Protein backbone atom coordinates (compact mmCIF):
# COMPACT_ATOMS: atom_id res chain seq x y z
CA MET A 1 3.08 -3.27 4.88
CA PRO A 2 2.16 -1.02 1.94
CA ARG A 3 2.21 -3.79 -0.64
CA ILE A 4 -0.76 -5.53 0.92
CA PHE A 5 -2.80 -3.18 -1.29
CA THR A 6 -1.39 -4.80 -4.43
CA TYR A 7 -3.12 -8.09 -3.84
CA ILE A 8 -6.23 -6.80 -2.09
CA LEU A 9 -7.17 -4.24 -4.75
CA LEU A 10 -6.61 -6.63 -7.63
CA PHE A 11 -8.67 -9.25 -5.81
CA ILE A 12 -11.55 -6.85 -5.15
CA PHE A 13 -11.58 -5.63 -8.77
CA SER A 14 -11.46 -9.16 -10.19
CA ALA A 15 -14.18 -10.43 -7.88
CA ASN A 16 -16.42 -7.43 -8.61
CA LEU A 17 -15.91 -8.07 -12.31
CA CYS A 18 -16.89 -11.74 -12.01
CA TYR A 19 -19.93 -11.18 -9.79
CA SER A 20 -21.32 -8.40 -11.96
CA GLN A 21 -21.55 -10.71 -14.98
CA THR A 22 -24.81 -12.24 -13.72
CA ASP A 23 -26.06 -9.22 -11.78
CA PRO A 24 -25.81 -10.92 -8.35
CA PHE A 25 -26.06 -7.51 -6.69
CA SER A 26 -29.82 -7.53 -7.22
CA ILE A 27 -30.90 -11.04 -8.29
CA TYR A 28 -30.50 -14.03 -5.97
CA PRO A 29 -32.08 -17.51 -6.00
CA ASP A 30 -35.02 -18.04 -3.65
CA THR A 31 -33.79 -21.39 -2.34
CA TYR A 32 -30.48 -22.87 -1.28
CA ASN A 33 -28.52 -24.29 -4.22
CA LYS A 34 -26.14 -27.02 -3.03
CA LYS A 35 -24.29 -27.19 -6.34
CA ARG A 36 -23.55 -23.46 -6.26
CA PHE A 37 -22.47 -23.64 -2.62
CA THR A 38 -20.07 -26.49 -3.38
CA THR A 39 -18.66 -24.55 -6.32
CA LEU A 40 -18.21 -21.49 -4.12
CA ALA A 41 -16.50 -23.50 -1.38
CA VAL A 42 -14.05 -25.06 -3.83
CA VAL A 43 -13.27 -21.76 -5.56
CA GLU A 44 -12.84 -19.75 -2.36
CA SER A 45 -10.73 -22.46 -0.69
CA SER A 46 -8.51 -22.69 -3.75
CA LEU A 47 -8.13 -18.92 -3.94
CA ALA A 48 -7.31 -18.74 -0.24
CA VAL A 49 -4.61 -21.42 -0.45
CA ALA A 50 -3.13 -20.02 -3.66
CA SER A 51 -3.12 -16.43 -2.42
CA MET A 52 -1.53 -17.37 0.91
CA ALA A 53 1.17 -19.28 -0.93
CA GLY A 54 1.71 -16.26 -3.16
CA LEU A 55 1.84 -13.90 -0.19
CA TYR A 56 4.40 -16.08 1.52
CA TYR A 57 6.56 -16.23 -1.59
CA LEU A 58 6.33 -12.50 -2.35
CA TRP A 59 6.59 -11.00 1.15
CA TYR A 60 7.62 -13.46 3.83
CA SER A 61 10.17 -15.81 2.24
CA ASP A 62 12.88 -13.12 2.11
CA TYR A 63 12.78 -12.56 5.89
CA PRO A 64 13.70 -14.94 8.72
CA GLN A 65 10.96 -16.58 10.75
CA THR A 66 10.82 -16.11 14.53
CA LYS A 67 8.61 -17.23 17.37
CA PHE A 68 5.21 -15.56 17.42
CA HIS A 69 5.49 -11.99 18.67
CA PHE A 70 3.48 -8.77 18.88
CA ILE A 71 4.35 -5.31 17.56
CA ASN A 72 2.97 -1.87 18.31
CA ASP A 73 2.90 -0.12 14.96
CA ASN A 74 0.00 2.22 15.66
CA GLN A 75 2.09 5.32 14.98
CA GLU A 76 3.54 4.15 11.67
CA TRP A 77 2.43 5.50 8.29
CA ARG A 78 0.13 7.97 10.06
CA ARG A 79 -2.22 4.95 10.49
CA MET A 80 -2.74 4.63 6.75
CA ASP A 81 -1.95 0.91 7.04
CA LYS A 82 -4.82 0.62 9.53
CA MET A 83 -7.11 2.32 7.04
CA GLY A 84 -5.95 -0.25 4.51
CA HIS A 85 -7.07 -3.08 6.79
CA PHE A 86 -10.36 -1.29 7.45
CA PHE A 87 -10.99 -0.86 3.72
CA SER A 88 -9.92 -4.39 2.81
CA THR A 89 -11.98 -6.32 5.37
CA TYR A 90 -15.05 -4.25 4.53
CA ASN A 91 -14.84 -4.80 0.77
CA ILE A 92 -14.03 -8.50 1.03
CA ALA A 93 -17.04 -8.79 3.35
CA ARG A 94 -19.23 -7.20 0.66
CA LEU A 95 -17.96 -9.68 -1.91
CA GLY A 96 -18.39 -12.57 0.51
CA TYR A 97 -21.99 -11.58 1.16
CA VAL A 98 -22.77 -11.43 -2.57
CA SER A 99 -21.17 -14.82 -3.18
CA PHE A 100 -23.14 -16.51 -0.40
CA ARG A 101 -26.40 -14.91 -1.54
CA TRP A 102 -25.63 -16.32 -5.02
CA THR A 103 -25.77 -19.80 -3.48
CA GLY A 104 -29.25 -19.16 -2.10
CA LEU A 105 -28.25 -18.78 1.54
CA SER A 106 -30.53 -16.53 3.56
CA GLU A 107 -29.92 -12.82 3.98
CA LYS A 108 -28.86 -13.25 7.61
CA LYS A 109 -26.53 -16.20 7.05
CA SER A 110 -24.94 -14.53 4.04
CA THR A 111 -24.39 -11.37 6.07
CA TRP A 112 -22.53 -13.20 8.84
CA PHE A 113 -20.64 -15.70 6.68
CA GLY A 114 -19.67 -13.07 4.13
CA GLY A 115 -18.88 -10.51 6.79
CA LEU A 116 -16.51 -12.86 8.59
CA LEU A 117 -14.76 -13.85 5.36
CA GLY A 118 -12.78 -10.62 5.16
CA PHE A 119 -11.99 -10.69 8.86
CA SER A 120 -10.70 -14.28 8.65
CA TYR A 121 -8.58 -13.60 5.60
CA LEU A 122 -6.86 -10.51 6.98
CA SER A 123 -6.44 -12.22 10.37
CA ILE A 124 -4.50 -15.06 8.73
CA ILE A 125 -2.21 -12.48 7.16
CA GLU A 126 -1.76 -10.92 10.60
CA ILE A 127 -0.79 -14.29 12.08
CA LEU A 128 1.81 -14.71 9.34
CA ASP A 129 3.13 -11.27 10.29
CA GLY A 130 3.41 -12.49 13.87
CA PHE A 131 5.93 -15.17 12.85
CA SER A 132 8.00 -12.85 10.64
CA ALA A 133 11.08 -11.08 12.00
CA GLU A 134 10.34 -8.13 9.72
CA TRP A 135 6.88 -7.49 11.16
CA GLY A 136 4.77 -8.78 14.04
CA PHE A 137 1.18 -9.37 15.10
CA SER A 138 -0.45 -5.95 15.41
CA THR A 139 -3.43 -5.43 17.70
CA GLY A 140 -4.04 -2.16 15.85
CA ASP A 141 -4.45 -4.08 12.59
CA MET A 142 -6.88 -6.47 14.25
CA ILE A 143 -8.95 -3.56 15.57
CA ALA A 144 -9.09 -2.18 12.02
CA ASN A 145 -10.09 -5.62 10.70
CA THR A 146 -12.88 -5.78 13.25
CA ALA A 147 -14.06 -2.27 12.36
CA GLY A 148 -14.25 -3.06 8.64
CA THR A 149 -16.19 -6.26 9.27
CA GLY A 150 -18.44 -4.50 11.78
CA LEU A 151 -19.25 -1.69 9.36
CA PHE A 152 -20.47 -4.16 6.75
CA ILE A 153 -22.41 -6.47 9.09
CA SER A 154 -24.09 -3.70 11.07
CA GLN A 155 -25.39 -1.96 7.93
CA GLN A 156 -26.64 -5.17 6.39
CA LEU A 157 -28.47 -6.18 9.56
CA LEU A 158 -29.93 -2.71 10.08
CA TRP A 159 -30.82 -1.68 6.52
CA LYS A 160 -30.26 -4.79 4.35
CA GLU A 161 -28.08 -2.59 2.16
CA GLN A 162 -24.80 -0.71 2.31
CA ARG A 163 -25.56 2.97 2.62
CA ILE A 164 -21.97 3.80 3.61
CA VAL A 165 -19.37 2.24 1.31
CA LEU A 166 -15.59 2.32 1.74
CA LYS A 167 -13.74 3.43 -1.39
CA TYR A 168 -10.20 3.99 -2.60
CA SER A 169 -8.44 6.67 -4.62
CA TYR A 170 -4.85 7.50 -5.57
CA HIS A 171 -2.85 10.43 -6.94
CA PRO A 172 0.90 10.44 -7.78
CA THR A 173 3.35 11.95 -5.28
CA MET A 174 7.07 12.73 -5.26
CA TYR A 175 7.88 10.41 -2.36
CA ALA A 176 8.23 7.23 -4.38
CA ASP A 177 11.28 8.79 -6.06
CA HIS A 178 13.02 8.77 -2.66
CA ARG A 179 12.00 5.20 -1.73
CA PRO A 180 11.11 3.30 -4.93
CA ASP A 181 11.89 -0.07 -3.31
CA LEU A 182 8.93 0.38 -0.96
CA LEU A 183 6.70 3.06 -2.48
CA GLY A 184 6.86 1.93 -6.09
CA LYS A 185 9.30 2.05 -8.99
CA ASN A 186 6.63 3.16 -11.45
CA LEU A 187 3.10 4.51 -11.51
CA ILE A 188 1.44 1.11 -11.46
CA GLN A 189 3.39 0.00 -8.39
CA SER A 190 2.86 3.33 -6.62
CA VAL A 191 -0.92 3.08 -7.06
CA PHE A 192 -0.76 0.14 -4.66
CA ASP A 193 2.28 0.96 -2.54
CA ASP A 194 2.55 4.72 -1.95
CA TYR A 195 0.51 5.58 1.15
CA ASN A 196 1.15 9.29 0.49
CA GLY A 197 -1.08 9.21 -2.58
CA ILE A 198 -3.77 6.87 -1.25
CA THR A 199 -7.03 8.14 0.24
CA ILE A 200 -9.62 5.92 1.91
CA TRP A 201 -13.19 7.20 1.71
CA ALA A 202 -16.47 6.57 3.48
CA SER A 203 -18.98 7.33 0.72
CA VAL A 204 -22.53 7.94 1.97
CA ASN A 205 -25.52 7.50 -0.33
CA ILE A 206 -27.79 10.42 0.54
CA TYR A 207 -30.90 9.11 -1.23
CA SER A 208 -30.96 5.95 0.92
CA PHE A 209 -31.60 8.11 4.02
CA LEU A 210 -34.45 10.04 2.40
CA ASN A 211 -38.08 9.27 1.70
CA LYS A 212 -38.27 6.88 -1.27
CA ASP A 213 -40.36 9.32 -3.31
CA SER A 214 -37.59 11.91 -3.03
CA LYS A 215 -36.35 13.42 -6.29
CA PHE A 216 -32.78 13.54 -5.00
CA PRO A 217 -30.39 11.78 -7.42
CA LYS A 218 -29.94 8.16 -6.34
CA TRP A 219 -26.35 8.11 -7.61
CA LEU A 220 -25.04 11.22 -5.80
CA ASN A 221 -23.04 10.56 -2.63
CA ILE A 222 -21.12 12.62 -0.13
CA ALA A 223 -17.74 11.23 0.97
CA LEU A 224 -15.38 11.68 3.91
CA GLY A 225 -11.74 10.86 3.19
CA TYR A 226 -8.60 10.09 5.18
CA GLY A 227 -5.05 10.41 3.88
CA ALA A 228 -1.50 11.33 4.92
CA ASP A 229 1.57 12.98 3.42
CA GLY A 230 5.34 13.23 3.92
CA MET A 231 6.09 9.54 4.56
CA VAL A 232 9.08 7.69 3.13
CA TYR A 233 9.16 5.00 5.82
CA GLY A 234 7.11 3.86 8.79
CA ASP A 235 7.90 6.69 11.18
CA ASN A 236 10.69 9.21 11.73
CA LEU A 237 11.98 7.33 14.78
CA ASP A 238 12.15 3.77 13.42
CA ASN A 239 15.27 1.66 13.02
CA TYR A 240 15.62 2.21 9.29
CA ASP A 241 19.24 1.46 8.33
CA GLY A 242 19.24 2.23 4.60
CA PRO A 243 20.59 5.32 2.82
CA VAL A 244 19.90 8.66 4.45
CA LEU A 245 16.50 9.94 3.37
CA PRO A 246 15.06 13.47 3.51
CA GLN A 247 12.91 14.27 6.54
CA PHE A 248 9.63 15.55 5.15
CA PRO A 249 7.04 17.21 7.41
CA ARG A 250 4.26 14.71 8.01
CA LYS A 251 0.60 15.51 8.16
CA THR A 252 -2.76 13.80 8.25
CA GLN A 253 -5.37 14.91 5.74
CA TYR A 254 -9.16 14.90 6.04
CA TYR A 255 -11.41 15.37 3.02
CA LEU A 256 -15.01 16.25 2.26
CA ALA A 257 -16.19 15.61 -1.31
CA LEU A 258 -19.01 14.66 -3.59
CA ASP A 259 -19.01 11.16 -5.06
CA VAL A 260 -20.89 8.95 -7.50
CA ASP A 261 -22.43 5.57 -6.69
CA LEU A 262 -21.86 3.82 -10.00
CA THR A 263 -24.16 0.93 -9.07
CA LYS A 264 -27.09 3.35 -8.92
CA ILE A 265 -26.65 4.52 -12.52
CA HIS A 266 -29.17 2.83 -14.79
CA THR A 267 -27.83 1.47 -18.06
CA ASN A 268 -29.10 -0.91 -20.72
CA SER A 269 -25.54 -1.73 -21.75
CA LYS A 270 -24.20 -5.02 -20.40
CA PHE A 271 -20.64 -3.76 -20.77
CA MET A 272 -21.31 -0.56 -18.79
CA HIS A 273 -23.21 -2.51 -16.14
CA VAL A 274 -20.23 -4.83 -15.61
CA LEU A 275 -17.80 -1.89 -15.63
CA TYR A 276 -19.83 0.12 -13.10
CA HIS A 277 -19.94 -2.74 -10.61
CA ALA A 278 -16.31 -3.74 -11.11
CA LEU A 279 -15.20 -0.17 -10.32
CA SER A 280 -17.70 0.48 -7.53
CA PHE A 281 -14.95 0.56 -4.87
CA ILE A 282 -13.15 3.44 -6.63
CA LYS A 283 -13.81 7.03 -5.53
CA ILE A 284 -14.82 9.18 -8.51
CA PRO A 285 -12.87 12.50 -8.82
CA MET A 286 -15.10 15.35 -7.67
CA PRO A 287 -14.79 18.82 -6.05
CA THR A 288 -13.12 18.34 -2.67
CA ILE A 289 -12.21 20.29 0.47
CA GLU A 290 -9.10 19.25 2.42
CA LEU A 291 -8.32 20.01 6.08
CA ASP A 292 -4.90 18.83 7.29
CA SER A 293 -3.55 18.26 10.79
CA ASN A 294 -1.75 21.61 10.67
CA GLY A 295 -5.06 23.45 10.31
CA ASN A 296 -4.64 24.29 6.62
CA VAL A 297 -7.69 24.24 4.33
CA ARG A 298 -7.48 23.68 0.57
CA PHE A 299 -10.06 23.35 -2.21
CA TYR A 300 -9.62 21.07 -5.25
CA PRO A 301 -11.89 21.46 -8.30
CA LEU A 302 -11.22 17.73 -8.82
CA TYR A 303 -9.44 15.44 -6.38
CA PHE A 304 -8.50 11.82 -6.73
């Protein structure tokens, strides 16, 4: 379901923007604050109900409901949809952790409660899929949800920080012109919907693995990316019954690139501080090497 990115990315950006206003990424209360916790519970419950209602209206109401069923979609979209689940659960877990720490909950409780927030949210979406005739409950999606949650929780328990962060980038492709109903009718829609142009990155902060008196730049990361190309629908053997579409050669793409951890850049500007944290899930364009599943290697001076 490519359009799951539309809601998830807007949610992550908005939440990052709100949390960065009071610098919750580094300053937390020392004791539990019941008033803050109540506020958080009300806000998150309201957002969950409202977003689920919106999701149902936007994606599920146009398709008939069936009895709960499973689907094996592990070969569709070259597993880019699985990467989307991986990315989404991880980043919602990060936001959940920050929000619980803001209430004064302990490091450990915030790690588990926040970590499970993303898993629970994406799991509810998966259950809705299970009752939709258009989709179905995917065990592959649930494995990706578990992996995203596990990546956040394991790092927080081991290091009390996120040294490996999942990020997102996009570049325009020609494929949306062939399937605008699904891959986007314009650039803004395609940023969320076109899997061909989306890359999911694991960005590793090098300094965090070094001795703390190291002179290595704290903001410089190295990133591993995953993408795919040549897709105008789920797979070339599905039951698509629309107009005849071109058969493009499909390939998986692996990337190695430099990256910037915006949250590690010191600034005295409140505006820049807020902007850096709000955009911290976006991969910064940098020199990149690509290796695709056909064995081809390509260098980009800048890749996004």
